[in-house]
Amino acid sequence: TSAAMTIAVRKTYVCPTCGESFTKWGLCLGHVRASASCREALGEKLRDPDALQELCRVSAGASTAEPNTNALLPPSGPGGNAAPAPVLVAAPLAPATGLEAPSTFTSVLASFSRSLPELDQSKGTVSDAVKKRFIRAVRAGYLTEADLRELRSKYEELAGYPHEVQLEAVQKFMGMGLWRLRCIASKSAWLQRCLAFCSRT
């Protein structure tokens, strides 16, 4: 068989913090060690290369599950093209300890949309709808109590945006789905990316 007819299959790796993808594990590991924000977000995981490699491989599986979808978020660097992102469906994983698992991803998203107060366009405060959405996400098993504390630490920054942008950013953040959210080491960093993206659109 000629070399031209040989199909090379490469496993890809994706940084679970910033979402950048690589064709080789060495390149992905080098990126994580060189990027201060990614290194800080992963913390203790850097001490176990095997576990970190598996996490990056799992993140790659999430980002390539549906190759024909549009990008979830644009790249953080200037002038880059948006990378493809998956249509995410909740995996049948057990919820965090003490939290009730949602029956389906669709039903949880539907519950998020019910009984939301009318949006206030003012700045300087965090929308009540956003606060309630995070609390419901914890009860549904999408976020842990530790995740909620981390996200609340960004409320001051969140309050700098209009309520409409806040809610749109949280919708995009939660729209990643249960399986992808559990692979993300720094959820506050992803929320910031969603805010930056929604404020420009």
C-alpha atoms as a PDB file:
ATOM      1  CA  THR A   1       0.000   0.000   0.000  1.00  0.00           C
ATOM      2  CA  SER A   2       1.422   3.389  -0.959  1.00  0.00           C
ATOM      3  CA  ALA A   3       2.090   6.057   1.641  1.00  0.00           C
ATOM      4  CA  ALA A   4      -0.523   8.280  -0.023  1.00  0.00           C
ATOM      5  CA  MET A   5      -3.233   5.720   0.787  1.00  0.00           C
ATOM      6  CA  THR A   6      -2.254   5.382   4.437  1.00  0.00           C
ATOM      7  CA  ILE A   7      -4.569   7.132   6.862  1.00  0.00           C
ATOM      8  CA  ALA A   8      -2.796   8.445   9.933  1.00  0.00           C
ATOM      9  CA  VAL A   9      -4.903   8.547  13.066  1.00  0.00           C
ATOM     10  CA  ARG A  10      -3.670  10.868  15.760  1.00  0.00           C
ATOM     11  CA  LYS A  11      -5.023  11.281  19.244  1.00  0.00           C
ATOM     12  CA  THR A  12      -5.480  14.928  20.106  1.00  0.00           C
ATOM     13  CA  TYR A  13      -5.122  16.596  23.476  1.00  0.00           C
ATOM     14  CA  VAL A  14      -6.946  19.670  24.733  1.00  0.00           C
ATOM     15  CA  CYS A  15      -5.909  21.919  27.621  1.00  0.00           C
ATOM     16  CA  PRO A  16      -8.803  21.597  30.124  1.00  0.00           C
ATOM     17  CA  THR A  17      -8.304  25.199  31.254  1.00  0.00           C
ATOM     18  CA  CYS A  18      -8.092  27.261  28.047  1.00  0.00           C
ATOM     19  CA  GLY A  19      -9.349  24.720  25.466  1.00  0.00           C
ATOM     20  CA  GLU A  20      -6.326  24.929  23.133  1.00  0.00           C
ATOM     21  CA  SER A  21      -5.807  21.647  21.217  1.00  0.00           C
ATOM     22  CA  PHE A  22      -2.621  19.772  20.303  1.00  0.00           C
ATOM     23  CA  THR A  23      -1.777  16.720  18.184  1.00  0.00           C
ATOM     24  CA  LYS A  24       0.898  15.436  20.580  1.00  0.00           C
ATOM     25  CA  TRP A  25       0.950  15.021  24.341  1.00  0.00           C
ATOM     26  CA  GLY A  26       4.386  16.617  24.607  1.00  0.00           C
ATOM     27  CA  LEU A  27       3.105  19.810  22.989  1.00  0.00           C
ATOM     28  CA  CYS A  28       0.074  19.921  25.287  1.00  0.00           C
ATOM     29  CA  LEU A  29       2.214  19.335  28.389  1.00  0.00           C
ATOM     30  CA  GLY A  30       4.667  22.007  27.276  1.00  0.00           C
ATOM     31  CA  HIS A  31       1.811  24.487  26.832  1.00  0.00           C
ATOM     32  CA  VAL A  32       0.388  23.758  30.302  1.00  0.00           C
ATOM     33  CA  ARG A  33       3.791  24.233  31.944  1.00  0.00           C
ATOM     34  CA  ALA A  34       4.549  27.402  29.992  1.00  0.00           C
ATOM     35  CA  SER A  35       1.178  29.120  30.534  1.00  0.00           C
ATOM     36  CA  ALA A  36       0.981  30.725  33.962  1.00  0.00           C
ATOM     37  CA  SER A  37      -2.830  30.821  34.023  1.00  0.00           C
ATOM     38  CA  CYS A  38      -3.203  27.178  32.947  1.00  0.00           C
ATOM     39  CA  ARG A  39      -0.475  26.057  35.335  1.00  0.00           C
ATOM     40  CA  GLU A  40      -2.109  27.861  38.238  1.00  0.00           C
ATOM     41  CA  ALA A  41      -5.565  26.498  37.413  1.00  0.00           C
ATOM     42  CA  LEU A  42      -4.392  22.862  37.219  1.00  0.00           C
ATOM     43  CA  GLY A  43      -2.337  23.115  40.425  1.00  0.00           C
ATOM     44  CA  GLU A  44      -1.701  19.702  41.986  1.00  0.00           C
ATOM     45  CA  LYS A  45      -2.679  17.878  38.776  1.00  0.00           C
ATOM     46  CA  LEU A  46       0.715  18.844  37.306  1.00  0.00           C
ATOM     47  CA  ARG A  47       2.377  16.448  39.758  1.00  0.00           C
ATOM     48  CA  ASP A  48       0.689  13.432  38.152  1.00  0.00           C
ATOM     49  CA  PRO A  49       1.546  13.487  34.394  1.00  0.00           C
ATOM     50  CA  ASP A  50      -0.430  10.289  33.696  1.00  0.00           C
ATOM     51  CA  ALA A  51      -3.625  11.656  35.238  1.00  0.00           C
ATOM     52  CA  LEU A  52      -3.076  15.011  33.528  1.00  0.00           C
ATOM     53  CA  GLN A  53      -2.584  13.280  30.167  1.00  0.00           C
ATOM     54  CA  GLU A  54      -5.849  11.384  30.626  1.00  0.00           C
ATOM     55  CA  LEU A  55      -7.662  14.621  31.581  1.00  0.00           C
ATOM     56  CA  CYS A  56      -6.363  16.342  28.435  1.00  0.00           C
ATOM     57  CA  ARG A  57      -7.400  13.321  26.355  1.00  0.00           C
ATOM     58  CA  VAL A  58     -10.894  13.368  27.910  1.00  0.00           C
ATOM     59  CA  SER A  59     -11.142  17.101  27.164  1.00  0.00           C
ATOM     60  CA  ALA A  60     -10.164  16.357  23.566  1.00  0.00           C
ATOM     61  CA  GLY A  61     -12.939  13.778  23.344  1.00  0.00           C
ATOM     62  CA  ALA A  62     -15.441  16.400  24.480  1.00  0.00           C
ATOM     63  CA  SER A  63     -14.177  19.002  22.017  1.00  0.00           C
ATOM     64  CA  THR A  64     -14.276  16.605  19.024  1.00  0.00           C
ATOM     65  CA  ALA A  65     -17.523  14.775  19.773  1.00  0.00           C
ATOM     66  CA  GLU A  66     -19.334  16.610  16.953  1.00  0.00           C
ATOM     67  CA  PRO A  67     -16.894  17.839  14.251  1.00  0.00           C
ATOM     68  CA  ASN A  68     -19.450  19.917  12.329  1.00  0.00           C
ATOM     69  CA  THR A  69     -20.436  22.304  15.136  1.00  0.00           C
ATOM     70  CA  ASN A  70     -19.549  25.961  15.500  1.00  0.00           C
ATOM     71  CA  ALA A  71     -16.982  27.233  17.972  1.00  0.00           C
ATOM     72  CA  LEU A  72     -18.038  27.490  21.600  1.00  0.00           C
ATOM     73  CA  LEU A  73     -15.774  30.468  22.184  1.00  0.00           C
ATOM     74  CA  PRO A  74     -13.297  32.423  20.064  1.00  0.00           C
ATOM     75  CA  PRO A  75      -9.590  31.976  20.857  1.00  0.00           C
ATOM     76  CA  SER A  76      -8.208  34.339  23.468  1.00  0.00           C
ATOM     77  CA  GLY A  77      -5.342  35.536  21.235  1.00  0.00           C
ATOM     78  CA  PRO A  78      -5.867  38.408  18.800  1.00  0.00           C
ATOM     79  CA  GLY A  79      -6.705  37.636  15.171  1.00  0.00           C
ATOM     80  CA  GLY A  80      -7.260  33.892  15.664  1.00  0.00           C
ATOM     81  CA  ASN A  81      -9.995  31.867  14.041  1.00  0.00           C
ATOM     82  CA  ALA A  82     -12.625  30.264  16.203  1.00  0.00           C
ATOM     83  CA  ALA A  83     -12.025  26.533  16.794  1.00  0.00           C
ATOM     84  CA  PRO A  84     -14.816  23.928  16.406  1.00  0.00           C
ATOM     85  CA  ALA A  85     -16.661  22.958  19.564  1.00  0.00           C
ATOM     86  CA  PRO A  86     -19.066  20.097  20.254  1.00  0.00           C
ATOM     87  CA  VAL A  87     -22.809  19.899  20.662  1.00  0.00           C
ATOM     88  CA  LEU A  88     -22.668  18.752  24.257  1.00  0.00           C
ATOM     89  CA  VAL A  89     -25.042  16.225  25.795  1.00  0.00           C
ATOM     90  CA  ALA A  90     -25.013  15.302  29.456  1.00  0.00           C
ATOM     91  CA  ALA A  91     -23.228  12.021  30.136  1.00  0.00           C
ATOM     92  CA  PRO A  92     -24.845   9.532  32.548  1.00  0.00           C
ATOM     93  CA  LEU A  93     -22.504  10.384  35.418  1.00  0.00           C
ATOM     94  CA  ALA A  94     -23.330  10.231  39.094  1.00  0.00           C
ATOM     95  CA  PRO A  95     -23.957  13.634  40.746  1.00  0.00           C
ATOM     96  CA  ALA A  96     -21.720  15.119  43.406  1.00  0.00           C
ATOM     97  CA  THR A  97     -22.221  13.622  46.883  1.00  0.00           C
ATOM     98  CA  GLY A  98     -25.498  14.673  48.444  1.00  0.00           C
ATOM     99  CA  LEU A  99     -26.881  16.241  45.262  1.00  0.00           C
ATOM    100  CA  GLU A 100     -29.741  14.889  43.183  1.00  0.00           C
ATOM    101  CA  ALA A 101     -28.918  14.021  39.560  1.00  0.00           C
ATOM    102  CA  PRO A 102     -31.043  15.599  36.813  1.00  0.00           C
ATOM    103  CA  SER A 103     -33.129  13.181  34.757  1.00  0.00           C
ATOM    104  CA  THR A 104     -31.993  14.698  31.477  1.00  0.00           C
ATOM    105  CA  PHE A 105     -29.874  17.622  30.375  1.00  0.00           C
ATOM    106  CA  THR A 106     -32.879  19.068  28.524  1.00  0.00           C
ATOM    107  CA  SER A 107     -35.089  19.041  31.616  1.00  0.00           C
ATOM    108  CA  VAL A 108     -32.436  20.819  33.672  1.00  0.00           C
ATOM    109  CA  LEU A 109     -31.999  23.548  31.062  1.00  0.00           C
ATOM    110  CA  ALA A 110     -35.764  23.921  30.920  1.00  0.00           C
ATOM    111  CA  SER A 111     -35.902  24.390  34.704  1.00  0.00           C
ATOM    112  CA  PHE A 112     -33.237  27.095  34.419  1.00  0.00           C
ATOM    113  CA  SER A 113     -35.509  29.062  32.090  1.00  0.00           C
ATOM    114  CA  ARG A 114     -38.618  28.934  34.278  1.00  0.00           C
ATOM    115  CA  SER A 115     -39.674  31.743  36.605  1.00  0.00           C
ATOM    116  CA  LEU A 116     -36.777  34.059  35.764  1.00  0.00           C
ATOM    117  CA  PRO A 117     -37.298  37.705  36.760  1.00  0.00           C
ATOM    118  CA  GLU A 118     -37.414  40.405  34.130  1.00  0.00           C
ATOM    119  CA  LEU A 119     -33.922  41.532  33.129  1.00  0.00           C
ATOM    120  CA  ASP A 120     -32.534  44.770  34.480  1.00  0.00           C
ATOM    121  CA  GLN A 121     -30.064  46.443  32.117  1.00  0.00           C
ATOM    122  CA  SER A 122     -28.271  48.379  34.871  1.00  0.00           C
ATOM    123  CA  LYS A 123     -24.672  47.766  35.898  1.00  0.00           C
ATOM    124  CA  GLY A 124     -23.149  47.582  39.358  1.00  0.00           C
ATOM    125  CA  THR A 125     -25.032  44.547  40.687  1.00  0.00           C
ATOM    126  CA  VAL A 126     -25.219  40.844  39.937  1.00  0.00           C
ATOM    127  CA  SER A 127     -28.561  39.790  38.484  1.00  0.00           C
ATOM    128  CA  ASP A 128     -30.794  37.764  40.829  1.00  0.00           C
ATOM    129  CA  ALA A 129     -31.476  35.463  37.882  1.00  0.00           C
ATOM    130  CA  VAL A 130     -27.756  34.671  37.647  1.00  0.00           C
ATOM    131  CA  LYS A 131     -27.476  33.941  41.386  1.00  0.00           C
ATOM    132  CA  LYS A 132     -30.513  31.634  41.287  1.00  0.00           C
ATOM    133  CA  ARG A 133     -29.188  29.852  38.222  1.00  0.00           C
ATOM    134  CA  PHE A 134     -25.914  28.991  39.961  1.00  0.00           C
ATOM    135  CA  ILE A 135     -27.794  27.722  43.027  1.00  0.00           C
ATOM    136  CA  ARG A 136     -30.042  25.514  40.858  1.00  0.00           C
ATOM    137  CA  ALA A 137     -26.944  24.189  39.072  1.00  0.00           C
ATOM    138  CA  VAL A 138     -25.509  23.076  42.438  1.00  0.00           C
ATOM    139  CA  ARG A 139     -28.762  21.372  43.430  1.00  0.00           C
ATOM    140  CA  ALA A 140     -28.897  19.606  40.056  1.00  0.00           C
ATOM    141  CA  GLY A 141     -25.337  18.302  40.367  1.00  0.00           C
ATOM    142  CA  TYR A 142     -23.825  20.472  37.616  1.00  0.00           C
ATOM    143  CA  LEU A 143     -21.671  22.427  40.080  1.00  0.00           C
ATOM    144  CA  THR A 144     -20.231  21.638  43.502  1.00  0.00           C
ATOM    145  CA  GLU A 145     -20.319  23.908  46.532  1.00  0.00           C
ATOM    146  CA  ALA A 146     -16.618  24.615  45.923  1.00  0.00           C
ATOM    147  CA  ASP A 147     -17.412  25.601  42.319  1.00  0.00           C
ATOM    148  CA  LEU A 148     -20.113  27.977  43.582  1.00  0.00           C
ATOM    149  CA  ARG A 149     -17.688  29.662  45.988  1.00  0.00           C
ATOM    150  CA  GLU A 150     -15.166  30.051  43.165  1.00  0.00           C
ATOM    151  CA  LEU A 151     -17.772  31.604  40.857  1.00  0.00           C
ATOM    152  CA  ARG A 152     -19.034  33.926  43.596  1.00  0.00           C
ATOM    153  CA  SER A 153     -15.506  35.283  43.950  1.00  0.00           C
ATOM    154  CA  LYS A 154     -16.015  36.743  40.447  1.00  0.00           C
ATOM    155  CA  TYR A 155     -19.263  38.557  41.316  1.00  0.00           C
ATOM    156  CA  GLU A 156     -17.496  41.920  41.534  1.00  0.00           C
ATOM    157  CA  GLU A 157     -16.251  41.513  37.966  1.00  0.00           C
ATOM    158  CA  LEU A 158     -19.622  40.135  36.847  1.00  0.00           C
ATOM    159  CA  ALA A 159     -21.380  43.219  38.251  1.00  0.00           C
ATOM    160  CA  GLY A 160     -19.463  45.401  35.797  1.00  0.00           C
ATOM    161  CA  TYR A 161     -21.618  44.094  32.929  1.00  0.00           C
ATOM    162  CA  PRO A 162     -25.305  44.743  32.168  1.00  0.00           C
ATOM    163  CA  HIS A 163     -27.671  42.097  33.533  1.00  0.00           C
ATOM    164  CA  GLU A 164     -28.525  40.939  30.017  1.00  0.00           C
ATOM    165  CA  VAL A 165     -24.844  40.213  29.289  1.00  0.00           C
ATOM    166  CA  GLN A 166     -24.432  38.497  32.674  1.00  0.00           C
ATOM    167  CA  LEU A 167     -27.296  36.102  31.998  1.00  0.00           C
ATOM    168  CA  GLU A 168     -26.195  35.426  28.418  1.00  0.00           C
ATOM    169  CA  ALA A 169     -22.669  34.587  29.632  1.00  0.00           C
ATOM    170  CA  VAL A 170     -23.991  32.221  32.316  1.00  0.00           C
ATOM    171  CA  GLN A 171     -26.264  30.529  29.756  1.00  0.00           C
ATOM    172  CA  LYS A 172     -23.258  29.939  27.501  1.00  0.00           C
ATOM    173  CA  PHE A 173     -21.205  28.698  30.461  1.00  0.00           C
ATOM    174  CA  MET A 174     -23.876  26.242  31.673  1.00  0.00           C
ATOM    175  CA  GLY A 175     -24.627  25.232  28.078  1.00  0.00           C
ATOM    176  CA  MET A 176     -21.366  23.269  27.974  1.00  0.00           C
ATOM    177  CA  GLY A 177     -23.162  20.461  29.793  1.00  0.00           C
ATOM    178  CA  LEU A 178     -22.448  18.269  32.797  1.00  0.00           C
ATOM    179  CA  TRP A 179     -19.689  16.142  31.256  1.00  0.00           C
ATOM    180  CA  ARG A 180     -17.658  19.089  29.929  1.00  0.00           C
ATOM    181  CA  LEU A 181     -18.112  21.164  33.098  1.00  0.00           C
ATOM    182  CA  ARG A 182     -16.619  18.384  35.217  1.00  0.00           C
ATOM    183  CA  CYS A 183     -13.517  18.343  33.003  1.00  0.00           C
ATOM    184  CA  ILE A 184     -12.849  22.065  33.504  1.00  0.00           C
ATOM    185  CA  ALA A 185     -10.370  22.759  36.289  1.00  0.00           C
ATOM    186  CA  SER A 186     -10.979  26.527  36.581  1.00  0.00           C
ATOM    187  CA  LYS A 187     -14.655  27.318  36.104  1.00  0.00           C
ATOM    188  CA  SER A 188     -14.180  30.988  36.996  1.00  0.00           C
ATOM    189  CA  ALA A 189     -11.691  31.326  34.115  1.00  0.00           C
ATOM    190  CA  TRP A 190     -14.261  29.890  31.684  1.00  0.00           C
ATOM    191  CA  LEU A 191     -16.943  32.223  33.037  1.00  0.00           C
ATOM    192  CA  GLN A 192     -14.610  35.168  32.347  1.00  0.00           C
ATOM    193  CA  ARG A 193     -14.127  33.940  28.762  1.00  0.00           C
ATOM    194  CA  CYS A 194     -17.898  33.701  28.321  1.00  0.00           C
ATOM    195  CA  LEU A 195     -18.330  37.240  29.686  1.00  0.00           C
ATOM    196  CA  ALA A 196     -15.686  38.624  27.338  1.00  0.00           C
ATOM    197  CA  PHE A 197     -17.293  36.871  24.365  1.00  0.00           C
ATOM    198  CA  CYS A 198     -20.888  37.898  25.165  1.00  0.00           C
ATOM    199  CA  SER A 199     -19.920  41.523  25.815  1.00  0.00           C
ATOM    200  CA  ARG A 200     -18.557  41.746  22.250  1.00  0.00           C
ATOM    201  CA  THR A 201     -21.565  40.160  20.515  1.00  0.00           C
END
